[in-house]
Protein backbone atom coordinates (compact mmCIF):
# COMPACT_ATOMS: atom_id res chain seq x y z
CA MET A 1 -57.67 87.51 14.49
CA ARG A 2 -55.65 88.21 11.35
CA ASN A 3 -58.23 86.43 9.14
CA GLN A 4 -60.99 88.44 10.81
CA SER A 5 -59.07 91.63 10.03
CA LEU A 6 -58.72 90.65 6.39
CA THR A 7 -62.41 89.71 6.19
CA LEU A 8 -63.32 93.07 7.69
CA ALA A 9 -60.98 94.82 5.28
CA LEU A 10 -62.68 93.11 2.36
CA ALA A 11 -66.08 94.08 3.74
CA MET A 12 -64.72 97.60 4.11
CA SER A 13 -63.61 97.55 0.51
CA ALA A 14 -67.09 96.58 -0.62
CA ALA A 15 -68.75 99.07 1.73
CA LEU A 16 -66.70 101.97 0.48
CA GLY A 17 -67.98 101.36 -3.02
CA ALA A 18 -68.32 104.31 -5.34
CA ALA A 19 -68.44 106.85 -2.52
CA GLY A 20 -65.09 105.72 -1.21
CA LEU A 21 -63.54 105.71 -4.66
CA ALA A 22 -64.84 109.22 -5.30
CA GLN A 23 -63.25 110.31 -2.03
CA ALA A 24 -60.00 108.65 -3.04
CA GLN A 25 -60.01 110.49 -6.36
CA THR A 26 -60.62 113.89 -4.79
CA ALA A 27 -58.08 113.46 -1.97
CA PRO A 28 -55.14 111.39 -3.19
CA ALA A 29 -52.70 110.05 -0.63
CA ALA A 30 -49.35 111.76 -0.56
CA ALA A 31 -46.80 109.54 -2.23
CA PRO A 32 -43.92 108.87 0.15
CA ALA A 33 -40.53 109.88 -1.20
CA THR A 34 -38.88 106.64 -0.15
CA ALA A 35 -41.48 103.96 0.47
CA PRO A 36 -40.12 100.58 1.60
CA ALA A 37 -40.91 97.32 -0.14
CA GLY A 38 -44.63 97.02 -0.68
CA GLY A 39 -44.85 100.75 -1.33
CA PHE A 40 -46.26 101.59 2.11
CA THR A 41 -44.61 103.68 4.79
CA ASP A 42 -44.61 102.62 8.43
CA ALA A 43 -46.86 105.60 9.16
CA GLU A 44 -49.44 104.42 6.61
CA LEU A 45 -49.36 100.91 8.05
CA ALA A 46 -49.91 102.31 11.55
CA GLN A 47 -52.85 104.36 10.22
CA PHE A 48 -54.25 101.21 8.60
CA GLY A 49 -53.89 99.29 11.86
CA LYS A 50 -55.73 102.01 13.81
CA ALA A 51 -58.51 102.15 11.23
CA MET A 52 -58.85 98.35 11.33
CA ALA A 53 -59.12 98.42 15.13
CA GLN A 54 -61.99 100.90 14.86
CA ILE A 55 -63.64 98.88 12.11
CA ARG A 56 -63.31 95.66 14.15
CA ALA A 57 -65.08 97.40 17.03
CA LEU A 58 -68.13 97.82 14.77
CA ASN A 59 -68.66 94.02 14.85
CA VAL A 60 -69.60 93.86 11.18
CA SER A 61 -70.73 90.44 10.02
CA GLY A 62 -71.74 90.00 6.41
CA THR A 63 -72.67 93.07 4.41
CA PRO A 64 -72.38 96.23 6.50
CA THR A 65 -75.44 98.36 7.11
CA ALA A 66 -75.45 101.92 5.77
CA GLU A 67 -74.55 103.19 9.24
CA GLN A 68 -71.70 100.70 9.56
CA ALA A 69 -70.41 101.60 6.09
CA THR A 70 -70.41 105.29 7.06
CA ALA A 71 -68.58 104.49 10.30
CA MET A 72 -66.05 102.42 8.36
CA GLN A 73 -65.44 105.29 5.94
CA LYS A 74 -65.02 107.64 8.88
CA ALA A 75 -62.51 105.30 10.55
CA VAL A 76 -60.44 105.27 7.38
CA SER A 77 -60.53 109.02 6.79
CA ASP A 78 -60.07 109.90 10.48
CA ASN A 79 -56.84 107.92 10.41
CA GLY A 80 -55.49 109.86 7.44
CA LEU A 81 -56.06 107.33 4.67
CA THR A 82 -58.13 107.45 1.52
CA ALA A 83 -60.37 104.51 0.70
CA GLU A 84 -58.08 103.70 -2.22
CA ARG A 85 -54.95 103.60 -0.03
CA PHE A 86 -56.72 101.61 2.70
CA ASN A 87 -57.87 99.06 0.13
CA ALA A 88 -54.39 98.87 -1.41
CA ILE A 89 -52.86 98.09 1.99
CA SER A 90 -55.63 95.58 2.74
CA THR A 91 -55.06 93.78 -0.55
CA ALA A 92 -51.29 93.76 -0.09
CA ALA A 93 -51.59 92.49 3.49
CA SER A 94 -53.86 89.66 2.37
CA LYS A 95 -51.29 88.52 -0.22
CA ASP A 96 -47.90 89.41 1.26
CA ALA A 97 -46.68 88.08 4.62
CA VAL A 98 -44.10 90.88 4.89
CA VAL A 99 -46.72 93.62 4.51
CA ARG A 100 -49.00 91.80 6.96
CA ALA A 101 -46.15 91.54 9.48
CA ARG A 102 -45.26 95.21 8.97
CA VAL A 103 -48.87 96.14 9.80
CA ASP A 104 -48.60 94.07 12.98
CA VAL A 105 -45.33 95.79 13.97
CA ALA A 106 -46.76 99.25 13.26
CA SER A 107 -49.87 98.43 15.30
CA ALA A 108 -48.15 96.84 18.31
CA PRO A 109 -47.48 98.89 21.44
CA ALA A 110 -43.86 99.73 22.18
CA SER A 111 -41.90 97.28 24.29
CA PRO A 112 -41.40 98.50 27.86
CA ALA A 113 -38.20 100.49 28.26
CA GLY A 114 -35.43 98.43 29.82
CA SER A 115 -37.09 95.11 29.01
CA VAL A 116 -35.32 92.30 27.18
CA ALA A 117 -37.77 92.87 24.30
CA ALA A 118 -36.84 96.54 24.01
CA GLY A 119 -33.16 95.65 23.79
CA VAL A 120 -33.45 93.15 20.93
CA THR A 121 -31.96 94.61 17.75
CA ASP A 122 -33.19 94.01 14.22
CA ALA A 123 -29.91 92.20 13.48
CA GLU A 124 -30.52 89.85 16.42
CA LEU A 125 -34.06 89.18 15.19
CA ASP A 126 -32.70 88.34 11.75
CA GLN A 127 -30.24 85.92 13.39
CA TYR A 128 -33.01 84.49 15.56
CA ALA A 129 -35.31 83.98 12.54
CA LYS A 130 -32.56 82.21 10.59
CA ALA A 131 -31.79 79.97 13.56
CA MET A 132 -35.48 79.16 14.03
CA LYS A 133 -35.84 78.31 10.35
CA ALA A 134 -32.91 75.87 10.64
CA ILE A 135 -34.32 74.40 13.85
CA ARG A 136 -37.78 73.92 12.33
CA ALA A 137 -36.18 72.13 9.38
CA LEU A 138 -34.94 69.48 11.82
CA ASN A 139 -38.56 68.40 12.41
CA VAL A 140 -37.96 67.64 16.08
CA THR A 141 -40.98 66.08 17.76
CA GLY A 142 -40.80 65.50 21.48
CA ALA A 143 -37.45 65.54 23.22
CA PRO A 144 -34.59 66.01 20.75
CA THR A 145 -32.07 63.26 20.25
CA ALA A 146 -28.42 64.02 21.03
CA ASP A 147 -27.76 64.64 17.34
CA GLN A 148 -30.78 66.94 17.03
CA ALA A 149 -29.74 68.87 20.14
CA THR A 150 -26.27 69.35 18.66
CA ALA A 151 -27.80 70.51 15.37
CA MET A 152 -30.08 72.93 17.25
CA ARG A 153 -27.14 74.46 19.11
CA ALA A 154 -25.23 74.74 15.84
CA ALA A 155 -28.21 76.50 14.20
CA VAL A 156 -28.11 79.10 16.95
CA THR A 157 -24.35 79.68 17.03
CA ASP A 158 -23.92 79.43 13.23
CA ASN A 159 -26.33 82.35 12.96
CA GLY A 160 -24.37 84.52 15.36
CA LEU A 161 -26.26 84.17 18.63
CA THR A 162 -25.20 82.64 21.91
CA ALA A 163 -27.53 80.05 23.41
CA GLU A 164 -28.21 82.47 26.28
CA ARG A 165 -29.23 85.33 23.96
CA PHE A 166 -31.32 83.02 21.78
CA ASN A 167 -33.14 81.74 24.89
CA ALA A 168 -33.66 85.28 26.22
CA ILE A 169 -35.26 86.32 22.93
CA ALA A 170 -37.32 83.12 22.75
CA THR A 171 -38.60 83.70 26.28
CA ALA A 172 -39.44 87.38 25.64
CA ILE A 173 -41.34 86.85 22.36
CA PRO A 174 -44.55 85.36 23.82
CA GLN A 175 -44.60 88.03 26.53
CA ASP A 176 -44.26 91.10 24.29
CA ALA A 177 -46.60 91.87 21.37
CA ARG A 178 -44.15 94.22 19.65
CA LEU A 179 -41.24 91.78 19.82
CA ARG A 180 -43.52 88.98 18.62
CA ALA A 181 -44.58 91.12 15.64
CA ARG A 182 -40.96 92.05 14.90
CA ALA A 183 -39.95 88.37 15.03
CA GLU A 184 -42.78 87.49 12.64
CA LEU A 185 -41.54 90.23 10.30
CA ALA A 186 -37.98 88.88 10.39
CA SER A 187 -39.34 85.40 9.66
CA ALA A 188 -41.57 86.66 6.83
CA LYS A 189 -38.60 88.38 5.19
CA LEU A 190 -36.84 85.00 5.04
CA GLY A 191 -39.74 83.57 3.06
């Protein structure tokens, strides 16, 4: 799905052409006072995600028709972005895992109130991502050996989580799109 989004974004970039660039020059995006790394605010990334959802719904394959190109331009402008800003986000997302993950977080629905996913803090996700990185480095295939199991437990506790909390987060991630996106962001920040 992510590769399809990037392909559509590139098609969008081509479809906008000179008309989109003219629009971008006449209506520049407001520069955020304190933009996070990547230079994009969470609001812009959410706007990008909404525009991409509308563009995906057009089912563009190959070069867009004139009608599809117009609809793509409308999706971008209706979501408060210029063609230039949309293309900048698209390019950054195709090259930078952190920007791509931030788009996913901004586009994901909120976790249900009171759920395990809603209660996971950013600090816990950072701890979880560090523990997972250490666990993946063990290259465990199949059932872990006793030594691998000990190393896995150490990876969890050395990064500040209890086994119970680690398991609760691990169980919630596949069930909650927002938590999954947040976990991917924490992992992307680790490199």
